[in-house]
Amino acid sequence: MTTTADELRANLIGAWTLQSYESSTIDGSHVTYPLGVDARGIIMYTLDGYMSAQLMRSDRTALST
């Protein structure tokens, strides 16, 4: 069964948390973690077609002000 664009859009509405963030070479022989192995993030899709994403290192320094 093929999923239509409208069905896919409806299934993505909401907020999703990052499970992992990694980069690898084309052949998969080398993997790196640009934001660390425990990166944090969220992506949100709204019903009216907007998307927002935030990614960050989990060991970032807190803001002083």
PDB file of N, CA and C in Angstrom:
ATOM      1  N   MET A   1       0.837  -1.184   0.000  1.00  0.00           N
ATOM      2  CA  MET A   1       0.000   0.000   0.000  1.00  0.00           C
ATOM      3  C   MET A   1       0.879   1.244   0.000  1.00  0.00           C
ATOM      4  N   THR A   2       0.537   2.208  -0.805  1.00  0.00           N
ATOM      5  CA  THR A   2       1.287   3.447  -0.921  1.00  0.00           C
ATOM      6  C   THR A   2       0.678   4.519  -0.039  1.00  0.00           C
ATOM      7  N   THR A   3       1.525   5.252   0.670  1.00  0.00           N
ATOM      8  CA  THR A   3       1.071   6.357   1.515  1.00  0.00           C
ATOM      9  C   THR A   3       1.018   7.627   0.673  1.00  0.00           C
ATOM     10  N   THR A   4      -0.083   8.329   0.731  1.00  0.00           N
ATOM     11  CA  THR A   4      -0.198   9.586  -0.010  1.00  0.00           C
ATOM     12  C   THR A   4       0.476  10.708   0.779  1.00  0.00           C
ATOM     13  N   ALA A   5       0.723  11.813   0.104  1.00  0.00           N
ATOM     14  CA  ALA A   5       1.336  12.969   0.760  1.00  0.00           C
ATOM     15  C   ALA A   5       0.456  13.481   1.897  1.00  0.00           C
ATOM     16  N   ASP A   6      -0.849  13.482   1.697  1.00  0.00           N
ATOM     17  CA  ASP A   6      -1.768  13.954   2.747  1.00  0.00           C
ATOM     18  C   ASP A   6      -1.747  13.032   3.964  1.00  0.00           C
ATOM     19  N   GLU A   7      -1.665  11.731   3.744  1.00  0.00           N
ATOM     20  CA  GLU A   7      -1.597  10.775   4.858  1.00  0.00           C
ATOM     21  C   GLU A   7      -0.294  10.936   5.626  1.00  0.00           C
ATOM     22  N   LEU A   8       0.804  11.103   4.908  1.00  0.00           N
ATOM     23  CA  LEU A   8       2.097  11.310   5.553  1.00  0.00           C
ATOM     24  C   LEU A   8       2.078  12.589   6.383  1.00  0.00           C
ATOM     25  N   ARG A   9       1.567  13.652   5.810  1.00  0.00           N
ATOM     26  CA  ARG A   9       1.484  14.930   6.518  1.00  0.00           C
ATOM     27  C   ARG A   9       0.674  14.778   7.804  1.00  0.00           C
ATOM     28  N   ALA A  10      -0.454  14.105   7.741  1.00  0.00           N
ATOM     29  CA  ALA A  10      -1.304  13.920   8.922  1.00  0.00           C
ATOM     30  C   ALA A  10      -0.599  13.098   9.993  1.00  0.00           C
ATOM     31  N   ASN A  11       0.195  12.124   9.596  1.00  0.00           N
ATOM     32  CA  ASN A  11       0.909  11.277  10.563  1.00  0.00           C
ATOM     33  C   ASN A  11       2.085  11.982  11.226  1.00  0.00           C
ATOM     34  N   LEU A  12       2.595  13.047  10.621  1.00  0.00           N
ATOM     35  CA  LEU A  12       3.748  13.752  11.183  1.00  0.00           C
ATOM     36  C   LEU A  12       3.375  14.909  12.102  1.00  0.00           C
ATOM     37  N   ILE A  13       2.120  15.330  12.113  1.00  0.00           N
ATOM     38  CA  ILE A  13       1.695  16.460  12.947  1.00  0.00           C
ATOM     39  C   ILE A  13       1.995  16.145  14.412  1.00  0.00           C
ATOM     40  N   GLY A  14       2.659  17.096  15.090  1.00  0.00           N
ATOM     41  CA  GLY A  14       2.978  16.923  16.502  1.00  0.00           C
ATOM     42  C   GLY A  14       4.437  17.209  16.777  1.00  0.00           C
ATOM     43  N   ALA A  15       4.893  16.822  17.951  1.00  0.00           N
ATOM     44  CA  ALA A  15       6.272  17.050  18.382  1.00  0.00           C
ATOM     45  C   ALA A  15       6.989  15.717  18.527  1.00  0.00           C
ATOM     46  N   TRP A  16       8.230  15.684  18.059  1.00  0.00           N
ATOM     47  CA  TRP A  16       9.035  14.457  18.060  1.00  0.00           C
ATOM     48  C   TRP A  16      10.387  14.761  18.699  1.00  0.00           C
ATOM     49  N   THR A  17      10.873  13.847  19.545  1.00  0.00           N
ATOM     50  CA  THR A  17      12.177  14.053  20.177  1.00  0.00           C
ATOM     51  C   THR A  17      13.267  13.305  19.418  1.00  0.00           C
ATOM     52  N   LEU A  18      14.446  13.887  19.433  1.00  0.00           N
ATOM     53  CA  LEU A  18      15.601  13.309  18.759  1.00  0.00           C
ATOM     54  C   LEU A  18      16.031  12.024  19.452  1.00  0.00           C
ATOM     55  N   GLN A  19      16.241  10.984  18.683  1.00  0.00           N
ATOM     56  CA  GLN A  19      16.726   9.714  19.227  1.00  0.00           C
ATOM     57  C   GLN A  19      18.240   9.611  19.095  1.00  0.00           C
ATOM     58  N   SER A  20      18.788  10.092  17.991  1.00  0.00           N
ATOM     59  CA  SER A  20      20.246  10.114  17.794  1.00  0.00           C
ATOM     60  C   SER A  20      20.569  11.051  16.644  1.00  0.00           C
ATOM     61  N   TYR A  21      21.792  11.538  16.635  1.00  0.00           N
ATOM     62  CA  TYR A  21      22.249  12.415  15.563  1.00  0.00           C
ATOM     63  C   TYR A  21      23.680  12.017  15.242  1.00  0.00           C
ATOM     64  N   GLU A  22      23.871  11.462  14.056  1.00  0.00           N
ATOM     65  CA  GLU A  22      25.195  11.032  13.658  1.00  0.00           C
ATOM     66  C   GLU A  22      25.415  11.314  12.185  1.00  0.00           C
ATOM     67  N   SER A  23      26.677  11.329  11.807  1.00  0.00           N
ATOM     68  CA  SER A  23      27.073  11.525  10.426  1.00  0.00           C
ATOM     69  C   SER A  23      28.026  10.393  10.069  1.00  0.00           C
ATOM     70  N   SER A  24      27.891   9.861   8.874  1.00  0.00           N
ATOM     71  CA  SER A  24      28.791   8.775   8.481  1.00  0.00           C
ATOM     72  C   SER A  24      29.273   8.968   7.056  1.00  0.00           C
ATOM     73  N   THR A  25      30.383   8.319   6.744  1.00  0.00           N
ATOM     74  CA  THR A  25      30.884   8.335   5.385  1.00  0.00           C
ATOM     75  C   THR A  25      29.910   7.558   4.497  1.00  0.00           C
ATOM     76  N   ILE A  26      29.998   7.753   3.202  1.00  0.00           N
ATOM     77  CA  ILE A  26      29.074   7.106   2.271  1.00  0.00           C
ATOM     78  C   ILE A  26      29.101   5.591   2.431  1.00  0.00           C
ATOM     79  N   ASP A  27      30.281   5.021   2.647  1.00  0.00           N
ATOM     80  CA  ASP A  27      30.359   3.558   2.780  1.00  0.00           C
ATOM     81  C   ASP A  27      30.093   3.069   4.205  1.00  0.00           C
ATOM     82  N   GLY A  28      29.834   4.005   5.134  1.00  0.00           N
ATOM     83  CA  GLY A  28      29.512   3.632   6.503  1.00  0.00           C
ATOM     84  C   GLY A  28      30.699   3.219   7.351  1.00  0.00           C
ATOM     85  N   SER A  29      31.898   3.394   6.842  1.00  0.00           N
ATOM     86  CA  SER A  29      33.080   2.936   7.569  1.00  0.00           C
ATOM     87  C   SER A  29      33.489   3.856   8.719  1.00  0.00           C
ATOM     88  N   HIS A  30      32.992   5.095   8.728  1.00  0.00           N
ATOM     89  CA  HIS A  30      33.376   6.030   9.785  1.00  0.00           C
ATOM     90  C   HIS A  30      32.145   6.821  10.226  1.00  0.00           C
ATOM     91  N   VAL A  31      31.861   6.805  11.519  1.00  0.00           N
ATOM     92  CA  VAL A  31      30.711   7.521  12.082  1.00  0.00           C
ATOM     93  C   VAL A  31      31.217   8.580  13.056  1.00  0.00           C
ATOM     94  N   THR A  32      30.643   9.774  12.970  1.00  0.00           N
ATOM     95  CA  THR A  32      30.958  10.838  13.919  1.00  0.00           C
ATOM     96  C   THR A  32      29.656  11.356  14.518  1.00  0.00           C
ATOM     97  N   TYR A  33      29.767  12.041  15.641  1.00  0.00           N
ATOM     98  CA  TYR A  33      28.627  12.615  16.345  1.00  0.00           C
ATOM     99  C   TYR A  33      28.857  14.116  16.472  1.00  0.00           C
ATOM    100  N   PRO A  34      28.391  14.906  15.501  1.00  0.00           N
ATOM    101  CA  PRO A  34      28.675  16.342  15.475  1.00  0.00           C
ATOM    102  C   PRO A  34      28.259  17.105  16.735  1.00  0.00           C
ATOM    103  N   LEU A  35      27.205  16.661  17.416  1.00  0.00           N
ATOM    104  CA  LEU A  35      26.745  17.325  18.636  1.00  0.00           C
ATOM    105  C   LEU A  35      26.957  16.454  19.867  1.00  0.00           C
ATOM    106  N   GLY A  36      27.830  15.468  19.774  1.00  0.00           N
ATOM    107  CA  GLY A  36      28.079  14.541  20.875  1.00  0.00           C
ATOM    108  C   GLY A  36      27.163  13.330  20.781  1.00  0.00           C
ATOM    109  N   VAL A  37      27.518  12.267  21.478  1.00  0.00           N
ATOM    110  CA  VAL A  37      26.737  11.030  21.403  1.00  0.00           C
ATOM    111  C   VAL A  37      25.375  11.149  22.088  1.00  0.00           C
ATOM    112  N   ASP A  38      25.201  12.167  22.916  1.00  0.00           N
ATOM    113  CA  ASP A  38      23.922  12.331  23.625  1.00  0.00           C
ATOM    114  C   ASP A  38      23.246  13.656  23.276  1.00  0.00           C
ATOM    115  N   ALA A  39      23.265  13.999  21.995  1.00  0.00           N
ATOM    116  CA  ALA A  39      22.623  15.237  21.530  1.00  0.00           C
ATOM    117  C   ALA A  39      21.149  15.234  21.893  1.00  0.00           C
ATOM    118  N   ARG A  40      20.607  16.422  22.053  1.00  0.00           N
ATOM    119  CA  ARG A  40      19.178  16.573  22.369  1.00  0.00           C
ATOM    120  C   ARG A  40      18.507  17.370  21.256  1.00  0.00           C
ATOM    121  N   GLY A  41      17.239  17.100  21.056  1.00  0.00           N
ATOM    122  CA  GLY A  41      16.532  17.858  20.038  1.00  0.00           C
ATOM    123  C   GLY A  41      15.059  17.551  19.993  1.00  0.00           C
ATOM    124  N   ILE A  42      14.353  18.427  19.320  1.00  0.00           N
ATOM    125  CA  ILE A  42      12.911  18.268  19.118  1.00  0.00           C
ATOM    126  C   ILE A  42      12.575  18.857  17.753  1.00  0.00           C
ATOM    127  N   ILE A  43      11.614  18.257  17.089  1.00  0.00           N
ATOM    128  CA  ILE A  43      11.084  18.791  15.837  1.00  0.00           C
ATOM    129  C   ILE A  43       9.569  18.793  15.960  1.00  0.00           C
ATOM    130  N   MET A  44       8.966  19.875  15.486  1.00  0.00           N
ATOM    131  CA  MET A  44       7.515  20.011  15.590  1.00  0.00           C
ATOM    132  C   MET A  44       6.936  20.346  14.221  1.00  0.00           C
ATOM    133  N   TYR A  45       5.832  19.682  13.892  1.00  0.00           N
ATOM    134  CA  TYR A  45       5.094  19.949  12.664  1.00  0.00           C
ATOM    135  C   TYR A  45       3.688  20.385  13.055  1.00  0.00           C
ATOM    136  N   THR A  46       3.223  21.490  12.471  1.00  0.00           N
ATOM    137  CA  THR A  46       1.881  21.984  12.789  1.00  0.00           C
ATOM    138  C   THR A  46       0.901  21.642  11.671  1.00  0.00           C
ATOM    139  N   LEU A  47      -0.353  21.643  12.015  1.00  0.00           N
ATOM    140  CA  LEU A  47      -1.411  21.321  11.070  1.00  0.00           C
ATOM    141  C   LEU A  47      -1.439  22.291   9.885  1.00  0.00           C
ATOM    142  N   ASP A  48      -1.040  23.552  10.131  1.00  0.00           N
ATOM    143  CA  ASP A  48      -1.079  24.540   9.052  1.00  0.00           C
ATOM    144  C   ASP A  48       0.208  24.602   8.225  1.00  0.00           C
ATOM    145  N   GLY A  49       1.085  23.607   8.368  1.00  0.00           N
ATOM    146  CA  GLY A  49       2.228  23.479   7.470  1.00  0.00           C
ATOM    147  C   GLY A  49       3.553  24.036   7.954  1.00  0.00           C
ATOM    148  N   TYR A  50       3.647  24.433   9.195  1.00  0.00           N
ATOM    149  CA  TYR A  50       4.904  24.951   9.722  1.00  0.00           C
ATOM    150  C   TYR A  50       5.708  23.844  10.385  1.00  0.00           C
ATOM    151  N   MET A  51       7.033  24.044  10.410  1.00  0.00           N
ATOM    152  CA  MET A  51       7.943  23.100  11.036  1.00  0.00           C
ATOM    153  C   MET A  51       8.974  23.903  11.818  1.00  0.00           C
ATOM    154  N   SER A  52       9.364  23.396  12.972  1.00  0.00           N
ATOM    155  CA  SER A  52      10.401  24.020  13.792  1.00  0.00           C
ATOM    156  C   SER A  52      11.262  22.916  14.372  1.00  0.00           C
ATOM    157  N   ALA A  53      12.575  23.130  14.369  1.00  0.00           N
ATOM    158  CA  ALA A  53      13.485  22.120  14.921  1.00  0.00           C
ATOM    159  C   ALA A  53      14.566  22.803  15.751  1.00  0.00           C
ATOM    160  N   GLN A  54      14.929  22.171  16.852  1.00  0.00           N
ATOM    161  CA  GLN A  54      16.023  22.636  17.697  1.00  0.00           C
ATOM    162  C   GLN A  54      16.917  21.442  18.010  1.00  0.00           C
ATOM    163  N   LEU A  55      18.206  21.612  17.822  1.00  0.00           N
ATOM    164  CA  LEU A  55      19.206  20.588  18.141  1.00  0.00           C
ATOM    165  C   LEU A  55      20.275  21.235  19.000  1.00  0.00           C
ATOM    166  N   MET A  56      20.806  20.483  19.971  1.00  0.00           N
ATOM    167  CA  MET A  56      21.848  21.052  20.823  1.00  0.00           C
ATOM    168  C   MET A  56      22.683  19.950  21.470  1.00  0.00           C
ATOM    169  N   ARG A  57      23.850  20.347  21.893  1.00  0.00           N
ATOM    170  CA  ARG A  57      24.703  19.456  22.682  1.00  0.00           C
ATOM    171  C   ARG A  57      24.105  19.359  24.081  1.00  0.00           C
ATOM    172  N   SER A  58      24.157  18.202  24.682  1.00  0.00           N
ATOM    173  CA  SER A  58      23.614  18.082  26.038  1.00  0.00           C
ATOM    174  C   SER A  58      24.575  18.649  27.084  1.00  0.00           C
ATOM    175  N   ASP A  59      25.849  18.790  26.740  1.00  0.00           N
ATOM    176  CA  ASP A  59      26.842  19.295  27.695  1.00  0.00           C
ATOM    177  C   ASP A  59      27.146  20.782  27.492  1.00  0.00           C
ATOM    178  N   ARG A  60      26.215  21.513  26.898  1.00  0.00           N
ATOM    179  CA  ARG A  60      26.456  22.926  26.636  1.00  0.00           C
ATOM    180  C   ARG A  60      26.535  23.703  27.949  1.00  0.00           C
ATOM    181  N   THR A  61      27.226  24.809  27.919  1.00  0.00           N
ATOM    182  CA  THR A  61      27.339  25.685  29.084  1.00  0.00           C
ATOM    183  C   THR A  61      26.060  26.494  29.223  1.00  0.00           C
ATOM    184  N   ALA A  62      25.555  26.584  30.431  1.00  0.00           N
ATOM    185  CA  ALA A  62      24.351  27.380  30.689  1.00  0.00           C
ATOM    186  C   ALA A  62      24.613  28.853  30.439  1.00  0.00           C
ATOM    187  N   LEU A  63      23.595  29.587  29.996  1.00  0.00           N
ATOM    188  CA  LEU A  63      23.736  31.029  29.806  1.00  0.00           C
ATOM    189  C   LEU A  63      23.912  31.721  31.153  1.00  0.00           C
ATOM    190  N   SER A  64      24.762  32.736  31.182  1.00  0.00           N
ATOM    191  CA  SER A  64      25.011  33.424  32.448  1.00  0.00           C
ATOM    192  C   SER A  64      23.976  34.490  32.736  1.00  0.00           C
ATOM    193  N   THR A  65      23.245  34.956  31.751  1.00  0.00           N
ATOM    194  CA  THR A  65      22.213  35.984  31.969  1.00  0.00           C
ATOM    195  C   THR A  65      20.929  35.605  31.299  1.00  0.00           C
TER     196      THR A  65
END
